[in-house]
Amino acid sequence: MIDSKYRGTYQKLVIEPILKRSWMQSADPLLLTLSGLFFGLLIPFFLYIGCTLIAFSCLVISGFFDTLDGSVARHLDQTSDPGAVLDITCDRLVEFAVVIGLFLVAPQERGLLCLLILGSILFCITTFLVVGIFSQKKDDKSFFYSPGVIERVEAFAFFAAMIVAPQAFALLAISFILLVFLTGVLRIKQFMNLSQ
């Protein structure tokens, strides 16, 4: 919801000034995507060794690169299907890495909840991609974007909270799981209604 409502404002205040920099004209969108993946894959390591602040910083940096790569590709007229595929794939790998990191903090206590987090993400992304196959694009992204209760920004906010507030992990995890499942269910319901 946040991404759908405020992406334009974020784009104007944060991304567009960066795109106007001269050095951005030679930026490689694929390298930005891979940079986001790199920082995301560092998260489980830093969580495992107890460096919570560094793990949180890696999450923020990874998320920033994820918001920048597509904008740079569009700005430089370098959008491509392979780029979109890589972007979506890297997003899922980062989410997987975060959940693994959260699990490694306390495997015995968090095992089931982390498994349910992964299950909810799997369900939600399946609805996202399947609905996208049968829907028309309505914006400048490389694929149809179906908004939901939990989008990338909300997911990162939950992940950030789980990282910095481990004492509230169970409550945050259960809330996240329910909202992600709700997002998938509502997406299917909306698609079914529009298809009638």
N, C-alpha and C. Protein backbone atom coordinates (compact mmCIF):
# COMPACT_ATOMS: atom_id res chain seq x y z
N MET A 1 0.82 -1.20 0.00
CA MET A 1 0.00 0.00 0.00
C MET A 1 0.86 1.26 0.00
N ILE A 2 1.90 1.26 0.82
CA ILE A 2 2.77 2.43 0.89
C ILE A 2 3.42 2.70 -0.45
N ASP A 3 3.91 1.63 -1.09
CA ASP A 3 4.57 1.78 -2.38
C ASP A 3 3.61 2.33 -3.42
N SER A 4 2.39 1.83 -3.44
CA SER A 4 1.40 2.28 -4.42
C SER A 4 1.03 3.75 -4.20
N LYS A 5 0.93 4.16 -2.95
CA LYS A 5 0.47 5.51 -2.64
C LYS A 5 1.58 6.56 -2.68
N TYR A 6 2.78 6.17 -2.25
CA TYR A 6 3.83 7.17 -2.06
C TYR A 6 5.05 6.99 -2.95
N ARG A 7 5.01 6.03 -3.87
CA ARG A 7 6.16 5.81 -4.73
C ARG A 7 6.48 7.07 -5.55
N GLY A 8 5.42 7.76 -6.03
CA GLY A 8 5.64 8.97 -6.81
C GLY A 8 6.38 10.04 -6.03
N THR A 9 6.00 10.21 -4.77
CA THR A 9 6.67 11.19 -3.91
C THR A 9 8.11 10.80 -3.66
N TYR A 10 8.33 9.53 -3.33
CA TYR A 10 9.69 9.02 -3.12
C TYR A 10 10.53 9.19 -4.38
N GLN A 11 9.92 8.89 -5.52
CA GLN A 11 10.62 9.01 -6.79
C GLN A 11 11.07 10.45 -7.02
N LYS A 12 10.17 11.39 -6.75
CA LYS A 12 10.47 12.80 -7.00
C LYS A 12 11.51 13.35 -6.02
N LEU A 13 11.39 12.97 -4.74
CA LEU A 13 12.27 13.54 -3.73
C LEU A 13 13.64 12.86 -3.63
N VAL A 14 13.68 11.56 -3.91
CA VAL A 14 14.92 10.80 -3.69
C VAL A 14 15.57 10.33 -4.99
N ILE A 15 14.78 9.65 -5.83
CA ILE A 15 15.36 9.01 -7.00
C ILE A 15 15.69 9.99 -8.12
N GLU A 16 14.76 10.88 -8.45
CA GLU A 16 14.99 11.80 -9.57
C GLU A 16 16.21 12.70 -9.39
N PRO A 17 16.46 13.24 -8.18
CA PRO A 17 17.70 14.01 -8.02
C PRO A 17 18.96 13.18 -8.28
N ILE A 18 18.92 11.90 -7.92
CA ILE A 18 20.06 11.02 -8.18
C ILE A 18 20.21 10.79 -9.68
N LEU A 19 19.10 10.60 -10.37
CA LEU A 19 19.15 10.35 -11.81
C LEU A 19 19.72 11.53 -12.58
N LYS A 20 19.62 12.73 -12.02
CA LYS A 20 20.12 13.93 -12.69
C LYS A 20 21.63 14.09 -12.57
N ARG A 21 22.24 13.31 -11.70
CA ARG A 21 23.69 13.38 -11.54
C ARG A 21 24.38 12.88 -12.81
N SER A 22 25.44 13.56 -13.21
CA SER A 22 26.12 13.21 -14.46
C SER A 22 26.67 11.80 -14.43
N TRP A 23 27.16 11.35 -13.28
CA TRP A 23 27.75 10.02 -13.21
C TRP A 23 26.72 8.92 -13.33
N MET A 24 25.44 9.27 -13.18
CA MET A 24 24.40 8.25 -13.32
C MET A 24 24.15 7.89 -14.78
N GLN A 25 24.63 8.72 -15.70
CA GLN A 25 24.41 8.44 -17.12
C GLN A 25 25.18 7.20 -17.58
N SER A 26 26.18 6.81 -16.83
CA SER A 26 26.95 5.62 -17.19
C SER A 26 26.67 4.45 -16.23
N ALA A 27 25.65 4.60 -15.40
CA ALA A 27 25.32 3.55 -14.44
C ALA A 27 24.77 2.32 -15.16
N ASP A 28 25.03 1.17 -14.59
CA ASP A 28 24.55 -0.09 -15.15
C ASP A 28 23.41 -0.62 -14.26
N PRO A 29 22.17 -0.62 -14.77
CA PRO A 29 21.04 -1.09 -13.96
C PRO A 29 21.23 -2.51 -13.43
N LEU A 30 21.82 -3.38 -14.24
CA LEU A 30 22.03 -4.77 -13.80
C LEU A 30 23.01 -4.83 -12.64
N LEU A 31 24.02 -3.96 -12.67
CA LEU A 31 24.98 -3.92 -11.58
C LEU A 31 24.31 -3.43 -10.29
N LEU A 32 23.39 -2.49 -10.43
CA LEU A 32 22.64 -2.01 -9.26
C LEU A 32 21.78 -3.12 -8.68
N THR A 33 21.14 -3.90 -9.56
CA THR A 33 20.34 -5.04 -9.11
C THR A 33 21.19 -6.04 -8.35
N LEU A 34 22.35 -6.35 -8.91
CA LEU A 34 23.25 -7.32 -8.26
C LEU A 34 23.84 -6.76 -6.97
N SER A 35 24.02 -5.44 -6.91
CA SER A 35 24.51 -4.82 -5.67
C SER A 35 23.47 -4.97 -4.56
N GLY A 36 22.20 -4.78 -4.92
CA GLY A 36 21.13 -5.00 -3.95
C GLY A 36 21.12 -6.43 -3.45
N LEU A 37 21.32 -7.37 -4.38
CA LEU A 37 21.38 -8.79 -4.00
C LEU A 37 22.57 -9.05 -3.08
N PHE A 38 23.71 -8.47 -3.40
CA PHE A 38 24.92 -8.68 -2.59
C PHE A 38 24.69 -8.26 -1.14
N PHE A 39 24.17 -7.06 -0.95
CA PHE A 39 23.94 -6.59 0.42
C PHE A 39 22.86 -7.41 1.11
N GLY A 40 21.87 -7.86 0.35
CA GLY A 40 20.83 -8.70 0.93
C GLY A 40 21.36 -10.04 1.41
N LEU A 41 22.29 -10.61 0.63
CA LEU A 41 22.85 -11.91 1.00
C LEU A 41 23.79 -11.82 2.20
N LEU A 42 24.22 -10.62 2.55
CA LEU A 42 25.06 -10.44 3.74
C LEU A 42 24.25 -10.48 5.04
N ILE A 43 22.95 -10.25 4.93
CA ILE A 43 22.10 -10.13 6.12
C ILE A 43 22.14 -11.36 7.02
N PRO A 44 21.96 -12.58 6.48
CA PRO A 44 21.98 -13.74 7.40
C PRO A 44 23.31 -13.91 8.12
N PHE A 45 24.40 -13.59 7.45
CA PHE A 45 25.71 -13.71 8.10
C PHE A 45 25.81 -12.77 9.30
N PHE A 46 25.43 -11.51 9.10
CA PHE A 46 25.54 -10.54 10.19
C PHE A 46 24.54 -10.82 11.31
N LEU A 47 23.37 -11.32 10.96
CA LEU A 47 22.42 -11.71 12.01
C LEU A 47 22.96 -12.89 12.81
N TYR A 48 23.57 -13.83 12.12
CA TYR A 48 24.09 -15.02 12.78
C TYR A 48 25.18 -14.68 13.79
N ILE A 49 26.03 -13.70 13.45
CA ILE A 49 27.12 -13.34 14.37
C ILE A 49 26.71 -12.23 15.34
N GLY A 50 25.44 -11.83 15.29
CA GLY A 50 24.93 -10.88 16.27
C GLY A 50 25.15 -9.42 15.94
N CYS A 51 25.50 -9.10 14.71
CA CYS A 51 25.71 -7.71 14.31
C CYS A 51 24.40 -7.14 13.74
N THR A 52 23.47 -6.87 14.63
CA THR A 52 22.13 -6.47 14.24
C THR A 52 22.11 -5.18 13.45
N LEU A 53 22.87 -4.18 13.89
CA LEU A 53 22.86 -2.88 13.22
C LEU A 53 23.41 -2.99 11.80
N ILE A 54 24.45 -3.79 11.63
CA ILE A 54 25.01 -3.97 10.28
C ILE A 54 24.02 -4.71 9.40
N ALA A 55 23.35 -5.72 9.95
CA ALA A 55 22.33 -6.45 9.19
C ALA A 55 21.21 -5.50 8.76
N PHE A 56 20.78 -4.65 9.67
CA PHE A 56 19.75 -3.66 9.36
C PHE A 56 20.22 -2.72 8.26
N SER A 57 21.47 -2.27 8.36
CA SER A 57 22.02 -1.37 7.34
C SER A 57 22.06 -2.04 5.98
N CYS A 58 22.43 -3.31 5.95
CA CYS A 58 22.45 -4.07 4.69
C CYS A 58 21.05 -4.16 4.09
N LEU A 59 20.05 -4.33 4.94
CA LEU A 59 18.67 -4.39 4.47
C LEU A 59 18.26 -3.07 3.83
N VAL A 60 18.61 -1.96 4.47
CA VAL A 60 18.27 -0.64 3.95
C VAL A 60 18.98 -0.40 2.62
N ILE A 61 20.26 -0.73 2.56
CA ILE A 61 21.03 -0.52 1.32
C ILE A 61 20.47 -1.39 0.20
N SER A 62 20.18 -2.64 0.51
CA SER A 62 19.61 -3.55 -0.49
C SER A 62 18.27 -3.01 -1.01
N GLY A 63 17.44 -2.54 -0.10
CA GLY A 63 16.15 -1.97 -0.50
C GLY A 63 16.31 -0.74 -1.36
N PHE A 64 17.30 0.09 -1.03
CA PHE A 64 17.55 1.30 -1.82
C PHE A 64 17.95 0.94 -3.25
N PHE A 65 18.89 0.01 -3.39
CA PHE A 65 19.29 -0.42 -4.72
C PHE A 65 18.10 -0.99 -5.49
N ASP A 66 17.20 -1.66 -4.79
CA ASP A 66 16.03 -2.25 -5.44
C ASP A 66 15.10 -1.17 -5.97
N THR A 67 15.04 -0.02 -5.31
CA THR A 67 14.21 1.08 -5.81
C THR A 67 14.91 1.86 -6.91
N LEU A 68 16.23 1.75 -6.97
CA LEU A 68 17.01 2.55 -7.92
C LEU A 68 17.20 1.87 -9.27
N ASP A 69 17.38 0.55 -9.28
CA ASP A 69 17.77 -0.12 -10.52
C ASP A 69 16.77 0.05 -11.65
N GLY A 70 15.49 -0.16 -11.37
CA GLY A 70 14.48 -0.01 -12.41
C GLY A 70 14.35 1.42 -12.90
N SER A 71 14.47 2.38 -11.98
CA SER A 71 14.39 3.79 -12.36
C SER A 71 15.55 4.17 -13.27
N VAL A 72 16.73 3.67 -12.95
CA VAL A 72 17.90 3.94 -13.80
C VAL A 72 17.70 3.32 -15.18
N ALA A 73 17.20 2.09 -15.21
CA ALA A 73 16.96 1.41 -16.49
C ALA A 73 15.99 2.21 -17.35
N ARG A 74 14.91 2.70 -16.75
CA ARG A 74 13.95 3.49 -17.51
C ARG A 74 14.54 4.83 -17.93
N HIS A 75 15.30 5.45 -17.04
CA HIS A 75 15.92 6.74 -17.32
C HIS A 75 16.90 6.65 -18.49
N LEU A 76 17.64 5.56 -18.56
CA LEU A 76 18.64 5.37 -19.62
C LEU A 76 18.07 4.59 -20.80
N ASP A 77 16.77 4.32 -20.77
CA ASP A 77 16.11 3.56 -21.83
C ASP A 77 16.78 2.20 -22.03
N GLN A 78 17.04 1.53 -20.91
CA GLN A 78 17.69 0.22 -20.95
C GLN A 78 16.81 -0.87 -20.32
N THR A 79 15.51 -0.64 -20.29
CA THR A 79 14.63 -1.67 -19.73
C THR A 79 14.64 -2.90 -20.64
N SER A 80 14.54 -4.05 -20.03
CA SER A 80 14.57 -5.30 -20.80
C SER A 80 13.87 -6.40 -20.01
N ASP A 81 13.40 -7.39 -20.71
CA ASP A 81 12.79 -8.54 -20.04
C ASP A 81 13.81 -9.27 -19.16
N PRO A 82 15.05 -9.49 -19.63
CA PRO A 82 16.04 -10.13 -18.75
C PRO A 82 16.30 -9.32 -17.48
N GLY A 83 16.29 -7.99 -17.61
CA GLY A 83 16.49 -7.14 -16.43
C GLY A 83 15.36 -7.29 -15.44
N ALA A 84 14.13 -7.37 -15.94
CA ALA A 84 12.97 -7.55 -15.06
C ALA A 84 13.01 -8.91 -14.38
N VAL A 85 13.40 -9.94 -15.14
CA VAL A 85 13.51 -11.28 -14.56
C VAL A 85 14.56 -11.30 -13.46
N LEU A 86 15.72 -10.69 -13.73
CA LEU A 86 16.79 -10.65 -12.72
C LEU A 86 16.33 -9.89 -11.48
N ASP A 87 15.63 -8.79 -11.68
CA ASP A 87 15.16 -7.97 -10.56
C ASP A 87 14.21 -8.76 -9.66
N ILE A 88 13.22 -9.41 -10.26
CA ILE A 88 12.26 -10.19 -9.48
C ILE A 88 12.95 -11.34 -8.76
N THR A 89 13.86 -12.00 -9.47
CA THR A 89 14.58 -13.13 -8.87
C THR A 89 15.43 -12.68 -7.69
N CYS A 90 16.14 -11.57 -7.86
CA CYS A 90 16.98 -11.06 -6.77
C CYS A 90 16.14 -10.63 -5.58
N ASP A 91 14.97 -10.05 -5.84
CA ASP A 91 14.07 -9.67 -4.75
C ASP A 91 13.72 -10.88 -3.89
N ARG A 92 13.39 -11.99 -4.54
CA ARG A 92 13.03 -13.20 -3.80
C ARG A 92 14.22 -13.77 -3.05
N LEU A 93 15.40 -13.72 -3.65
CA LEU A 93 16.60 -14.23 -2.98
C LEU A 93 16.92 -13.41 -1.74
N VAL A 94 16.74 -12.09 -1.83
CA VAL A 94 16.98 -11.24 -0.66
C VAL A 94 15.97 -11.57 0.44
N GLU A 95 14.71 -11.73 0.08
CA GLU A 95 13.70 -12.08 1.08
C GLU A 95 14.04 -13.42 1.74
N PHE A 96 14.46 -14.38 0.93
CA PHE A 96 14.85 -15.68 1.46
C PHE A 96 16.03 -15.54 2.42
N ALA A 97 17.02 -14.73 2.03
CA ALA A 97 18.19 -14.52 2.87
C ALA A 97 17.81 -13.89 4.21
N VAL A 98 16.91 -12.92 4.17
CA VAL A 98 16.47 -12.27 5.41
C VAL A 98 15.80 -13.29 6.34
N VAL A 99 14.92 -14.11 5.79
CA VAL A 99 14.21 -15.09 6.61
C VAL A 99 15.18 -16.11 7.19
N ILE A 100 16.16 -16.53 6.39
CA ILE A 100 17.18 -17.45 6.90
C ILE A 100 17.95 -16.79 8.04
N GLY A 101 18.27 -15.51 7.87
CA GLY A 101 18.97 -14.79 8.93
C GLY A 101 18.15 -14.70 10.20
N LEU A 102 16.86 -14.40 10.07
CA LEU A 102 15.98 -14.34 11.23
C LEU A 102 15.89 -15.70 11.92
N PHE A 103 15.88 -16.76 11.13
CA PHE A 103 15.85 -18.12 11.67
C PHE A 103 17.13 -18.43 12.45
N LEU A 104 18.27 -18.03 11.90
CA LEU A 104 19.56 -18.35 12.52
C LEU A 104 19.76 -17.69 13.87
N VAL A 105 19.02 -16.62 14.13
CA VAL A 105 19.13 -15.94 15.42
C VAL A 105 18.71 -16.88 16.55
N ALA A 106 17.65 -17.66 16.32
CA ALA A 106 17.13 -18.59 17.34
C ALA A 106 16.38 -19.71 16.64
N PRO A 107 17.09 -20.68 16.08
CA PRO A 107 16.46 -21.73 15.26
C PRO A 107 15.34 -22.49 15.97
N GLN A 108 15.54 -22.85 17.22
CA GLN A 108 14.53 -23.64 17.93
C GLN A 108 13.23 -22.86 18.11
N GLU A 109 13.35 -21.61 18.50
CA GLU A 109 12.17 -20.81 18.81
C GLU A 109 11.49 -20.27 17.55
N ARG A 110 12.27 -20.03 16.50
CA ARG A 110 11.73 -19.33 15.34
C ARG A 110 11.46 -20.24 14.13
N GLY A 111 11.79 -21.51 14.24
CA GLY A 111 11.72 -22.40 13.09
C GLY A 111 10.37 -22.41 12.39
N LEU A 112 9.30 -22.66 13.15
CA LEU A 112 7.98 -22.77 12.55
C LEU A 112 7.53 -21.45 11.95
N LEU A 113 7.74 -20.36 12.68
CA LEU A 113 7.31 -19.06 12.17
C LEU A 113 8.06 -18.68 10.90
N CYS A 114 9.35 -18.97 10.85
CA CYS A 114 10.12 -18.67 9.64
C CYS A 114 9.64 -19.51 8.46
N LEU A 115 9.28 -20.76 8.73
CA LEU A 115 8.72 -21.61 7.68
C LEU A 115 7.40 -21.04 7.17
N LEU A 116 6.57 -20.56 8.07
CA LEU A 116 5.30 -19.96 7.68
C LEU A 116 5.50 -18.64 6.94
N ILE A 117 6.53 -17.89 7.31
CA ILE A 117 6.85 -16.67 6.57
C ILE A 117 7.18 -17.02 5.12
N LEU A 118 8.05 -18.02 4.94
CA LEU A 118 8.41 -18.44 3.58
C LEU A 118 7.19 -18.94 2.82
N GLY A 119 6.32 -19.70 3.50
CA GLY A 119 5.11 -20.19 2.85
C GLY A 119 4.19 -19.07 2.41
N SER A 120 4.05 -18.06 3.26
CA SER A 120 3.18 -16.93 2.91
C SER A 120 3.74 -16.16 1.72
N ILE A 121 5.07 -15.99 1.70
CA ILE A 121 5.71 -15.30 0.58
C ILE A 121 5.53 -16.10 -0.70
N LEU A 122 5.70 -17.42 -0.62
CA LEU A 122 5.53 -18.29 -1.79
C LEU A 122 4.11 -18.17 -2.33
N PHE A 123 3.13 -18.22 -1.44
CA PHE A 123 1.73 -18.08 -1.86
C PHE A 123 1.48 -16.73 -2.50
N CYS A 124 1.96 -15.67 -1.85
CA CYS A 124 1.69 -14.31 -2.33
C CYS A 124 2.36 -14.04 -3.67
N ILE A 125 3.61 -14.45 -3.82
CA ILE A 125 4.30 -14.18 -5.08
C ILE A 125 3.71 -15.01 -6.20
N THR A 126 3.18 -16.19 -5.87
CA THR A 126 2.50 -17.00 -6.88
C THR A 126 1.26 -16.27 -7.40
N THR A 127 0.47 -15.71 -6.49
CA THR A 127 -0.72 -14.96 -6.93
C THR A 127 -0.31 -13.74 -7.73
N PHE A 128 0.77 -13.08 -7.31
CA PHE A 128 1.27 -11.89 -8.00
C PHE A 128 1.65 -12.22 -9.44
N LEU A 129 2.42 -13.28 -9.62
CA LEU A 129 2.90 -13.64 -10.95
C LEU A 129 1.79 -14.21 -11.83
N VAL A 130 0.93 -15.05 -11.25
CA VAL A 130 -0.14 -15.66 -12.05
C VAL A 130 -1.15 -14.60 -12.48
N VAL A 131 -1.53 -13.71 -11.58
CA VAL A 131 -2.44 -12.62 -11.96
C VAL A 131 -1.77 -11.76 -13.03
N GLY A 132 -0.47 -11.54 -12.88
CA GLY A 132 0.26 -10.74 -13.86
C GLY A 132 0.24 -11.34 -15.26
N ILE A 133 0.26 -12.66 -15.34
CA ILE A 133 0.24 -13.33 -16.64
C ILE A 133 -1.03 -13.00 -17.41
N PHE A 134 -2.15 -12.89 -16.68
CA PHE A 134 -3.44 -12.71 -17.33
C PHE A 134 -3.95 -11.27 -17.26
N SER A 135 -3.08 -10.35 -16.90
CA SER A 135 -3.48 -8.95 -16.77
C SER A 135 -2.62 -8.07 -17.67
N GLN A 136 -3.16 -6.92 -18.02
CA GLN A 136 -2.45 -5.97 -18.85
C GLN A 136 -1.62 -5.04 -17.97
N LYS A 137 -0.45 -4.64 -18.49
CA LYS A 137 0.36 -3.67 -17.77
C LYS A 137 -0.35 -2.32 -17.75
N LYS A 138 -0.25 -1.63 -16.59
CA LYS A 138 -0.90 -0.33 -16.47
C LYS A 138 0.06 0.76 -16.01
N ASP A 139 1.35 0.48 -15.99
CA ASP A 139 2.32 1.50 -15.62
C ASP A 139 3.59 1.28 -16.41
N ASP A 140 4.69 1.92 -15.98
CA ASP A 140 5.92 1.85 -16.77
C ASP A 140 6.85 0.73 -16.33
N LYS A 141 6.39 -0.16 -15.48
CA LYS A 141 7.21 -1.29 -15.09
C LYS A 141 7.25 -2.31 -16.22
N SER A 142 8.20 -3.26 -16.13
CA SER A 142 8.36 -4.25 -17.18
C SER A 142 7.35 -5.38 -17.08
N PHE A 143 6.52 -5.36 -16.05
CA PHE A 143 5.53 -6.41 -15.85
C PHE A 143 4.31 -5.79 -15.18
N PHE A 144 3.20 -6.49 -15.23
CA PHE A 144 2.00 -5.99 -14.56
C PHE A 144 2.22 -6.01 -13.05
N TYR A 145 1.94 -4.88 -12.41
CA TYR A 145 2.14 -4.77 -10.97
C TYR A 145 0.79 -4.72 -10.28
N SER A 146 0.49 -5.76 -9.53
CA SER A 146 -0.77 -5.84 -8.79
C SER A 146 -0.52 -5.41 -7.35
N PRO A 147 -1.04 -4.25 -6.94
CA PRO A 147 -0.80 -3.77 -5.57
C PRO A 147 -1.51 -4.64 -4.54
N GLY A 148 -1.04 -4.54 -3.28
CA GLY A 148 -1.64 -5.35 -2.23
C GLY A 148 -1.46 -4.71 -0.87
N VAL A 149 -1.98 -5.37 0.15
CA VAL A 149 -1.85 -4.88 1.52
C VAL A 149 -0.38 -4.84 1.91
N ILE A 150 0.33 -5.93 1.60
CA ILE A 150 1.77 -6.00 1.86
C ILE A 150 2.50 -5.96 0.53
N GLU A 151 3.28 -4.91 0.33
CA GLU A 151 4.12 -4.80 -0.85
C GLU A 151 5.57 -4.79 -0.38
N ARG A 152 6.47 -4.47 -1.26
CA ARG A 152 7.90 -4.53 -0.94
C ARG A 152 8.25 -3.64 0.26
N VAL A 153 7.72 -2.43 0.28
CA VAL A 153 8.06 -1.49 1.36
C VAL A 153 7.60 -2.03 2.71
N GLU A 154 6.35 -2.51 2.76
CA GLU A 154 5.83 -3.05 4.02
C GLU A 154 6.62 -4.28 4.46
N ALA A 155 6.96 -5.13 3.49
CA ALA A 155 7.74 -6.33 3.83
C ALA A 155 9.08 -5.94 4.43
N PHE A 156 9.75 -4.96 3.83
CA PHE A 156 11.04 -4.51 4.36
C PHE A 156 10.87 -3.87 5.73
N ALA A 157 9.76 -3.16 5.93
CA ALA A 157 9.51 -2.55 7.24
C ALA A 157 9.34 -3.63 8.31
N PHE A 158 8.60 -4.69 7.98
CA PHE A 158 8.45 -5.81 8.91
C PHE A 158 9.79 -6.48 9.16
N PHE A 159 10.55 -6.73 8.10
CA PHE A 159 11.86 -7.37 8.27
C PHE A 159 12.77 -6.51 9.15
N ALA A 160 12.75 -5.20 8.90
CA ALA A 160 13.58 -4.30 9.70
C ALA A 160 13.18 -4.36 11.17
N ALA A 161 11.88 -4.36 11.42
CA ALA A 161 11.39 -4.43 12.81
C ALA A 161 11.78 -5.75 13.45
N MET A 162 11.70 -6.85 12.71
CA MET A 162 12.09 -8.16 13.25
C MET A 162 13.57 -8.20 13.57
N ILE A 163 14.36 -7.47 12.79
CA ILE A 163 15.81 -7.45 13.02
C ILE A 163 16.16 -6.64 14.26
N VAL A 164 15.58 -5.44 14.36
CA VAL A 164 15.99 -4.53 15.45
C VAL A 164 15.20 -4.75 16.74
N ALA A 165 14.08 -5.48 16.66
CA ALA A 165 13.28 -5.74 17.87
C ALA A 165 13.04 -7.24 18.01
N PRO A 166 14.10 -8.00 18.28
CA PRO A 166 13.96 -9.47 18.35
C PRO A 166 12.98 -9.94 19.41
N GLN A 167 12.78 -9.14 20.45
CA GLN A 167 11.86 -9.53 21.51
C GLN A 167 10.41 -9.54 21.02
N ALA A 168 10.15 -8.83 19.92
CA ALA A 168 8.79 -8.78 19.35
C ALA A 168 8.68 -9.65 18.10
N PHE A 169 9.65 -10.53 17.90
CA PHE A 169 9.68 -11.32 16.66
C PHE A 169 8.39 -12.10 16.43
N ALA A 170 7.91 -12.81 17.43
CA ALA A 170 6.73 -13.66 17.25
C ALA A 170 5.51 -12.85 16.81
N LEU A 171 5.26 -11.74 17.49
CA LEU A 171 4.12 -10.90 17.15
C LEU A 171 4.26 -10.33 15.74
N LEU A 172 5.46 -9.84 15.42
CA LEU A 172 5.70 -9.28 14.10
C LEU A 172 5.57 -10.35 13.02
N ALA A 173 6.12 -11.53 13.29
CA ALA A 173 6.08 -12.61 12.30
C ALA A 173 4.65 -13.05 12.03
N ILE A 174 3.86 -13.24 13.08
CA ILE A 174 2.46 -13.66 12.90
C ILE A 174 1.67 -12.60 12.14
N SER A 175 1.89 -11.34 12.48
CA SER A 175 1.21 -10.24 11.77
C SER A 175 1.59 -10.24 10.30
N PHE A 176 2.88 -10.41 10.03
CA PHE A 176 3.37 -10.43 8.65
C PHE A 176 2.75 -11.58 7.87
N ILE A 177 2.76 -12.76 8.46
CA ILE A 177 2.21 -13.96 7.80
C ILE A 177 0.74 -13.75 7.43
N LEU A 178 -0.04 -13.27 8.38
CA LEU A 178 -1.47 -13.07 8.14
C LEU A 178 -1.71 -12.02 7.06
N LEU A 179 -0.95 -10.93 7.10
CA LEU A 179 -1.14 -9.86 6.12
C LEU A 179 -0.69 -10.28 4.72
N VAL A 180 0.37 -11.07 4.65
CA VAL A 180 0.84 -11.54 3.34
C VAL A 180 -0.16 -12.52 2.74
N PHE A 181 -0.67 -13.44 3.56
CA PHE A 181 -1.72 -14.35 3.07
C PHE A 181 -2.95 -13.56 2.64
N LEU A 182 -3.32 -12.55 3.43
CA LEU A 182 -4.47 -11.70 3.08
C LEU A 182 -4.25 -11.01 1.75
N THR A 183 -3.04 -10.53 1.52
CA THR A 183 -2.71 -9.88 0.25
C THR A 183 -2.95 -10.82 -0.92
N GLY A 184 -2.48 -12.05 -0.79
CA GLY A 184 -2.67 -13.03 -1.86
C GLY A 184 -4.13 -13.36 -2.11
N VAL A 185 -4.87 -13.55 -1.03
CA VAL A 185 -6.30 -13.88 -1.15
C VAL A 185 -7.06 -12.73 -1.80
N LEU A 186 -6.80 -11.50 -1.36
CA LEU A 186 -7.48 -10.34 -1.93
C LEU A 186 -7.12 -10.16 -3.40
N ARG A 187 -5.87 -10.45 -3.76
CA ARG A 187 -5.45 -10.33 -5.16
C ARG A 187 -6.23 -11.31 -6.04
N ILE A 188 -6.38 -12.54 -5.57
CA ILE A 188 -7.14 -13.53 -6.33
C ILE A 188 -8.61 -13.11 -6.42
N LYS A 189 -9.17 -12.65 -5.30
CA LYS A 189 -10.57 -12.22 -5.28
C LYS A 189 -10.79 -11.06 -6.25
N GLN A 190 -9.89 -10.09 -6.23
CA GLN A 190 -10.02 -8.94 -7.13
C GLN A 190 -9.94 -9.38 -8.59
N PHE A 191 -9.01 -10.27 -8.89
CA PHE A 191 -8.86 -10.75 -10.26
C PHE A 191 -10.10 -11.52 -10.70
N MET A 192 -10.64 -12.35 -9.83
CA MET A 192 -11.84 -13.11 -10.16
C MET A 192 -13.02 -12.17 -10.43
N ASN A 193 -13.15 -11.13 -9.61
CA ASN A 193 -14.25 -10.17 -9.80
C ASN A 193 -14.11 -9.43 -11.12
N LEU A 194 -12.88 -9.03 -11.47
CA LEU A 194 -12.65 -8.31 -12.72
C LEU A 194 -12.82 -9.20 -13.93
N SER A 195 -12.66 -10.50 -13.74
CA SER A 195 -12.73 -11.43 -14.86
C SER A 195 -14.15 -11.85 -15.19
N GLN A 196 -15.10 -11.52 -14.32
CA GLN A 196 -16.49 -11.94 -14.54
C GLN A 196 -17.19 -11.04 -15.55
